[in-house]
Protein backbone atom coordinates (compact mmCIF):
# COMPACT_ATOMS: atom_id res chain seq x y z
CA UNK A 1 0.44 0.01 -0.39
CA UNK A 2 0.97 3.87 -0.20
CA UNK A 3 2.01 5.99 1.84
CA UNK A 4 -0.03 9.69 1.34
CA UNK A 5 2.34 12.80 2.17
CA UNK A 6 2.16 16.01 2.15
CA UNK A 7 5.38 18.59 1.70
CA UNK A 8 5.78 22.60 2.39
CA UNK A 9 8.91 23.56 -0.29
CA UNK A 10 10.72 26.58 -1.08
CA UNK A 11 9.04 28.75 -3.98
CA UNK A 12 12.68 28.19 -5.58
CA UNK A 13 12.44 24.06 -5.11
CA UNK A 14 8.83 24.49 -6.04
CA UNK A 15 8.88 25.88 -9.32
CA UNK A 16 11.99 23.47 -10.34
CA UNK A 17 10.34 20.21 -9.53
CA UNK A 18 6.62 21.31 -11.40
CA UNK A 19 9.10 22.05 -14.50
CA UNK A 20 10.57 18.71 -13.93
CA UNK A 21 6.99 17.54 -13.64
CA UNK A 22 6.45 19.50 -17.09
CA UNK A 23 8.96 18.16 -19.15
CA UNK A 24 8.15 14.74 -18.06
CA UNK A 25 5.03 14.95 -19.22
CA UNK A 26 4.25 14.18 -14.78
CA UNK A 27 1.59 15.05 -12.14
CA UNK A 28 3.48 16.62 -9.78
CA UNK A 29 2.39 14.29 -7.60
CA UNK A 30 4.48 11.10 -9.31
CA UNK A 31 7.42 13.74 -9.65
CA UNK A 32 7.23 14.06 -6.19
CA UNK A 33 7.58 10.34 -5.51
CA UNK A 34 10.18 9.73 -8.49
CA UNK A 35 12.76 12.91 -6.61
CA UNK A 36 12.25 11.56 -2.71
CA UNK A 37 12.34 7.79 -4.15
CA UNK A 38 15.80 8.89 -5.69
CA UNK A 39 16.93 10.97 -2.22
CA UNK A 40 15.68 8.24 -0.20
CA UNK A 41 17.97 4.80 -1.55
CA UNK A 42 20.62 7.36 -2.85
CA UNK A 43 21.43 8.10 0.55
CA UNK A 44 20.48 4.32 1.83
CA UNK A 45 23.51 3.83 -0.94
CA UNK A 46 21.17 1.94 -3.27
CA UNK A 47 21.55 3.30 -6.71
CA UNK A 48 18.33 4.40 -8.24
CA UNK A 49 15.49 3.04 -10.87
CA UNK A 50 16.36 4.74 -14.34
CA UNK A 51 14.30 7.63 -15.48
CA UNK A 52 12.02 5.70 -18.27
CA UNK A 53 9.51 8.43 -19.77
CA UNK A 54 6.37 5.36 -20.52
CA UNK A 55 6.03 4.31 -16.69
CA UNK A 56 4.69 7.40 -15.53
CA UNK A 57 4.86 5.01 -11.85
CA UNK A 58 1.98 5.36 -9.34
CA UNK A 59 1.56 8.37 -6.93
């Protein structure tokens, strides 16, 4: 089951995430989930899965 969270970002970071989501044709929620997953895996010493624009994830 997926967890639902809410975050507050500084304006510049929020705008950067919005631009990334738009450029990859993803929702803001999907982009946030991808970025958080990549950051967590990086901190845990794992290599994040490669991005695939066709697989928009479940967020």
